[in-house]
N, C-alpha and C. Protein backbone atom coordinates (compact mmCIF):
# COMPACT_ATOMS: atom_id res chain seq x y z
N MET A 1 0.85 -1.17 0.00
CA MET A 1 0.00 0.00 0.00
C MET A 1 0.90 1.23 0.00
N LYS A 2 0.62 2.11 -0.90
CA LYS A 2 1.39 3.34 -1.05
C LYS A 2 0.81 4.42 -0.15
N GLN A 3 1.64 5.28 0.40
CA GLN A 3 1.21 6.43 1.19
C GLN A 3 1.19 7.67 0.29
N VAL A 4 0.06 8.39 0.32
CA VAL A 4 -0.10 9.58 -0.50
C VAL A 4 -0.46 10.74 0.41
N GLU A 5 0.24 11.86 0.23
CA GLU A 5 -0.04 13.07 1.02
C GLU A 5 -1.07 13.90 0.27
N VAL A 6 -2.15 14.24 0.98
CA VAL A 6 -3.22 15.05 0.38
C VAL A 6 -3.58 16.19 1.32
N SER A 7 -4.28 17.18 0.77
CA SER A 7 -4.74 18.30 1.58
C SER A 7 -6.26 18.41 1.43
N ILE A 8 -6.93 18.43 2.58
CA ILE A 8 -8.38 18.60 2.62
C ILE A 8 -8.68 19.73 3.59
N LEU A 9 -9.36 20.73 3.10
CA LEU A 9 -9.74 21.89 3.90
C LEU A 9 -8.52 22.52 4.57
N GLY A 10 -7.40 22.55 3.81
CA GLY A 10 -6.18 23.18 4.29
C GLY A 10 -5.36 22.36 5.25
N GLN A 11 -5.77 21.13 5.52
CA GLN A 11 -5.02 20.26 6.43
C GLN A 11 -4.43 19.10 5.64
N VAL A 12 -3.19 18.77 5.92
CA VAL A 12 -2.49 17.71 5.20
C VAL A 12 -2.71 16.37 5.91
N TYR A 13 -2.99 15.33 5.10
CA TYR A 13 -3.20 13.98 5.60
C TYR A 13 -2.36 13.01 4.78
N MET A 14 -1.89 11.95 5.44
CA MET A 14 -1.23 10.85 4.75
C MET A 14 -2.25 9.72 4.65
N LEU A 15 -2.57 9.31 3.43
CA LEU A 15 -3.57 8.28 3.21
C LEU A 15 -2.94 7.08 2.54
N GLY A 16 -3.40 5.90 2.91
CA GLY A 16 -2.98 4.69 2.24
C GLY A 16 -3.72 4.56 0.92
N CYS A 17 -3.01 4.11 -0.10
CA CYS A 17 -3.60 4.01 -1.43
C CYS A 17 -3.01 2.79 -2.12
N PRO A 18 -3.88 1.94 -2.70
CA PRO A 18 -3.34 0.79 -3.43
C PRO A 18 -2.56 1.25 -4.66
N GLU A 19 -1.56 0.47 -5.04
CA GLU A 19 -0.78 0.80 -6.24
C GLU A 19 -1.72 0.99 -7.42
N GLY A 20 -1.51 2.06 -8.16
CA GLY A 20 -2.34 2.34 -9.33
C GLY A 20 -3.63 3.07 -9.01
N GLY A 21 -3.90 3.32 -7.74
CA GLY A 21 -5.14 3.98 -7.35
C GLY A 21 -5.00 5.45 -7.08
N GLU A 22 -3.85 6.02 -7.40
CA GLU A 22 -3.59 7.42 -7.08
C GLU A 22 -4.58 8.38 -7.77
N ALA A 23 -4.89 8.13 -9.03
CA ALA A 23 -5.80 9.02 -9.77
C ALA A 23 -7.20 8.99 -9.15
N LEU A 24 -7.66 7.81 -8.80
CA LEU A 24 -8.98 7.70 -8.18
C LEU A 24 -8.99 8.37 -6.82
N LEU A 25 -7.93 8.18 -6.04
CA LEU A 25 -7.84 8.83 -4.73
C LEU A 25 -7.80 10.35 -4.88
N THR A 26 -7.04 10.84 -5.84
CA THR A 26 -6.96 12.28 -6.08
C THR A 26 -8.33 12.85 -6.44
N THR A 27 -9.09 12.13 -7.25
CA THR A 27 -10.44 12.56 -7.60
C THR A 27 -11.33 12.59 -6.37
N ALA A 28 -11.23 11.56 -5.54
CA ALA A 28 -12.05 11.49 -4.32
C ALA A 28 -11.68 12.61 -3.35
N VAL A 29 -10.39 12.86 -3.18
CA VAL A 29 -9.93 13.93 -2.29
C VAL A 29 -10.43 15.28 -2.79
N ALA A 30 -10.37 15.49 -4.09
CA ALA A 30 -10.85 16.76 -4.66
C ALA A 30 -12.34 16.94 -4.39
N ALA A 31 -13.11 15.87 -4.51
CA ALA A 31 -14.56 15.94 -4.25
C ALA A 31 -14.83 16.26 -2.79
N VAL A 32 -14.12 15.60 -1.89
CA VAL A 32 -14.30 15.84 -0.46
C VAL A 32 -13.88 17.27 -0.11
N ASP A 33 -12.74 17.70 -0.61
CA ASP A 33 -12.28 19.06 -0.33
C ASP A 33 -13.26 20.10 -0.87
N ARG A 34 -13.75 19.89 -2.07
CA ARG A 34 -14.71 20.82 -2.68
C ARG A 34 -15.99 20.88 -1.85
N GLU A 35 -16.49 19.73 -1.42
CA GLU A 35 -17.72 19.67 -0.63
C GLU A 35 -17.52 20.33 0.73
N MET A 36 -16.41 20.03 1.40
CA MET A 36 -16.15 20.60 2.71
C MET A 36 -15.94 22.11 2.62
N THR A 37 -15.25 22.57 1.58
CA THR A 37 -15.03 24.01 1.39
C THR A 37 -16.35 24.73 1.17
N ALA A 38 -17.23 24.16 0.37
CA ALA A 38 -18.53 24.78 0.11
C ALA A 38 -19.35 24.89 1.39
N ILE A 39 -19.30 23.86 2.23
CA ILE A 39 -20.04 23.88 3.50
C ILE A 39 -19.46 24.95 4.42
N ARG A 40 -18.14 24.99 4.52
CA ARG A 40 -17.49 25.99 5.39
C ARG A 40 -17.79 27.40 4.90
N GLU A 41 -17.72 27.61 3.59
CA GLU A 41 -17.94 28.95 3.04
C GLU A 41 -19.39 29.40 3.11
N SER A 42 -20.31 28.46 3.32
CA SER A 42 -21.71 28.85 3.48
C SER A 42 -21.89 29.65 4.77
N GLY A 43 -20.94 29.48 5.70
CA GLY A 43 -20.95 30.25 6.94
C GLY A 43 -21.85 29.69 8.02
N LYS A 44 -22.56 28.62 7.73
CA LYS A 44 -23.50 28.06 8.71
C LYS A 44 -22.83 27.08 9.66
N VAL A 45 -21.75 26.44 9.23
CA VAL A 45 -21.08 25.44 10.05
C VAL A 45 -19.60 25.77 10.08
N ARG A 46 -19.01 25.81 11.28
CA ARG A 46 -17.60 26.15 11.41
C ARG A 46 -16.76 24.98 11.93
N ALA A 47 -17.37 24.09 12.72
CA ALA A 47 -16.61 22.98 13.31
C ALA A 47 -16.21 21.99 12.22
N ARG A 48 -14.93 21.68 12.16
CA ARG A 48 -14.40 20.79 11.12
C ARG A 48 -15.05 19.41 11.13
N GLU A 49 -15.31 18.88 12.31
CA GLU A 49 -15.94 17.56 12.39
C GLU A 49 -17.35 17.58 11.80
N ARG A 50 -18.11 18.60 12.10
CA ARG A 50 -19.46 18.72 11.53
C ARG A 50 -19.42 18.91 10.02
N ILE A 51 -18.46 19.70 9.57
CA ILE A 51 -18.30 19.90 8.12
C ILE A 51 -18.00 18.56 7.46
N ALA A 52 -17.12 17.75 8.07
CA ALA A 52 -16.77 16.44 7.51
C ALA A 52 -17.98 15.52 7.44
N VAL A 53 -18.79 15.51 8.51
CA VAL A 53 -19.98 14.65 8.52
C VAL A 53 -20.96 15.09 7.44
N LEU A 54 -21.21 16.39 7.33
CA LEU A 54 -22.14 16.88 6.31
C LEU A 54 -21.61 16.59 4.91
N ALA A 55 -20.33 16.76 4.70
CA ALA A 55 -19.74 16.46 3.39
C ALA A 55 -19.89 14.97 3.08
N ALA A 56 -19.61 14.12 4.07
CA ALA A 56 -19.75 12.67 3.85
C ALA A 56 -21.19 12.31 3.49
N LEU A 57 -22.13 12.90 4.19
CA LEU A 57 -23.54 12.63 3.88
C LEU A 57 -23.92 13.13 2.49
N ASN A 58 -23.47 14.31 2.13
CA ASN A 58 -23.75 14.84 0.79
C ASN A 58 -23.18 13.95 -0.30
N LEU A 59 -21.93 13.52 -0.12
CA LEU A 59 -21.30 12.68 -1.12
C LEU A 59 -21.94 11.29 -1.17
N ALA A 60 -22.30 10.75 -0.01
CA ALA A 60 -22.98 9.45 0.02
C ALA A 60 -24.34 9.54 -0.68
N TYR A 61 -25.03 10.63 -0.48
CA TYR A 61 -26.31 10.83 -1.13
C TYR A 61 -26.13 10.89 -2.65
N GLN A 62 -25.10 11.60 -3.09
CA GLN A 62 -24.82 11.68 -4.52
C GLN A 62 -24.52 10.30 -5.10
N LEU A 63 -23.78 9.48 -4.36
CA LEU A 63 -23.50 8.11 -4.80
C LEU A 63 -24.80 7.30 -4.89
N ALA A 64 -25.66 7.46 -3.90
CA ALA A 64 -26.91 6.72 -3.88
C ALA A 64 -27.81 7.11 -5.05
N GLU A 65 -27.77 8.38 -5.43
CA GLU A 65 -28.58 8.85 -6.55
C GLU A 65 -28.16 8.21 -7.87
N ARG A 66 -26.90 7.85 -7.99
CA ARG A 66 -26.39 7.24 -9.22
C ARG A 66 -26.92 5.83 -9.42
N GLY A 67 -27.40 5.21 -8.36
CA GLY A 67 -27.91 3.85 -8.48
C GLY A 67 -26.87 2.84 -8.07
N PRO A 68 -27.25 1.57 -8.13
CA PRO A 68 -26.36 0.51 -7.66
C PRO A 68 -25.15 0.33 -8.57
N ALA A 69 -24.05 -0.07 -7.95
CA ALA A 69 -22.83 -0.37 -8.69
C ALA A 69 -22.64 -1.88 -8.74
N GLY A 70 -22.25 -2.39 -9.86
CA GLY A 70 -22.01 -3.83 -9.97
C GLY A 70 -23.29 -4.63 -9.83
N THR A 71 -23.17 -5.80 -9.20
CA THR A 71 -24.32 -6.68 -9.09
C THR A 71 -24.97 -6.65 -7.72
N ALA A 72 -24.44 -5.87 -6.82
CA ALA A 72 -25.02 -5.79 -5.47
C ALA A 72 -26.38 -5.11 -5.53
N SER A 73 -27.23 -5.43 -4.56
CA SER A 73 -28.52 -4.77 -4.50
C SER A 73 -28.32 -3.31 -4.17
N PRO A 74 -29.26 -2.42 -4.51
CA PRO A 74 -29.08 -0.99 -4.23
C PRO A 74 -28.79 -0.70 -2.76
N ALA A 75 -29.51 -1.33 -1.85
CA ALA A 75 -29.31 -1.08 -0.42
C ALA A 75 -27.92 -1.53 0.00
N THR A 76 -27.52 -2.73 -0.42
CA THR A 76 -26.20 -3.26 -0.05
C THR A 76 -25.10 -2.39 -0.61
N SER A 77 -25.24 -1.99 -1.86
CA SER A 77 -24.23 -1.16 -2.51
C SER A 77 -24.09 0.18 -1.79
N ARG A 78 -25.20 0.82 -1.48
CA ARG A 78 -25.16 2.12 -0.79
C ARG A 78 -24.58 1.97 0.59
N GLU A 79 -24.99 0.94 1.32
CA GLU A 79 -24.47 0.73 2.67
C GLU A 79 -22.96 0.53 2.63
N ALA A 80 -22.48 -0.24 1.67
CA ALA A 80 -21.05 -0.47 1.55
C ALA A 80 -20.31 0.82 1.19
N ASP A 81 -20.88 1.60 0.28
CA ASP A 81 -20.26 2.87 -0.10
C ASP A 81 -20.19 3.83 1.08
N VAL A 82 -21.27 3.93 1.83
CA VAL A 82 -21.31 4.83 2.98
C VAL A 82 -20.33 4.34 4.05
N ALA A 83 -20.32 3.03 4.31
CA ALA A 83 -19.41 2.49 5.32
C ALA A 83 -17.95 2.74 4.93
N ALA A 84 -17.63 2.55 3.66
CA ALA A 84 -16.26 2.80 3.19
C ALA A 84 -15.89 4.27 3.32
N LEU A 85 -16.83 5.14 2.99
CA LEU A 85 -16.57 6.58 3.09
C LEU A 85 -16.35 6.99 4.54
N VAL A 86 -17.17 6.50 5.45
CA VAL A 86 -17.02 6.82 6.86
C VAL A 86 -15.68 6.31 7.38
N GLN A 87 -15.28 5.10 6.97
CA GLN A 87 -13.99 4.56 7.41
C GLN A 87 -12.83 5.42 6.92
N ARG A 88 -12.91 5.90 5.67
CA ARG A 88 -11.84 6.74 5.14
C ARG A 88 -11.76 8.06 5.90
N ILE A 89 -12.90 8.63 6.21
CA ILE A 89 -12.92 9.89 6.96
C ILE A 89 -12.38 9.66 8.36
N ASP A 90 -12.78 8.56 9.00
CA ASP A 90 -12.28 8.24 10.33
C ASP A 90 -10.75 8.11 10.31
N ARG A 91 -10.22 7.43 9.29
CA ARG A 91 -8.75 7.28 9.21
C ARG A 91 -8.09 8.63 8.99
N ALA A 92 -8.67 9.46 8.14
CA ALA A 92 -8.07 10.77 7.85
C ALA A 92 -8.10 11.67 9.06
N LEU A 93 -9.15 11.58 9.87
CA LEU A 93 -9.27 12.42 11.05
C LEU A 93 -8.83 11.69 12.32
N GLY A 94 -8.09 10.62 12.15
CA GLY A 94 -7.71 9.75 13.27
C GLY A 94 -7.21 10.48 14.48
N GLU A 95 -6.37 11.47 14.32
CA GLU A 95 -5.83 12.17 15.48
C GLU A 95 -6.87 13.03 16.16
N ASP A 96 -7.96 13.35 15.47
CA ASP A 96 -9.03 14.17 16.05
C ASP A 96 -10.12 13.31 16.69
N GLY A 97 -10.06 12.01 16.50
CA GLY A 97 -11.08 11.13 17.05
C GLY A 97 -12.02 10.65 15.96
N GLN A 98 -12.77 9.62 16.28
CA GLN A 98 -13.68 9.02 15.33
C GLN A 98 -14.90 9.90 15.11
N LEU A 99 -15.42 9.90 13.90
CA LEU A 99 -16.62 10.69 13.61
C LEU A 99 -17.84 10.05 14.21
N LEU A 100 -17.97 8.75 14.03
CA LEU A 100 -19.19 8.06 14.51
C LEU A 100 -18.82 6.96 15.47
């Protein structure tokens, strides 16, 4: 597993990334950073943890709107996507504590 340094909401994180997955991770980081920046700039939420939770929910909702991936049922696919997203956020914010 390769370590990749990324920046989300102005904070640098070291994330594990499978070989060859750098482009996909970069795309995901950009989406998370864009979502978190938009929430912060709305002025309604200032706490980084709350911004992260709202961004995760927004992105999970967008994934759910796209429909099921592969052969999994829609509910199973969405649950797996949300669980994976929450785990990634928990790892990225590890020093700040778990989100959920």
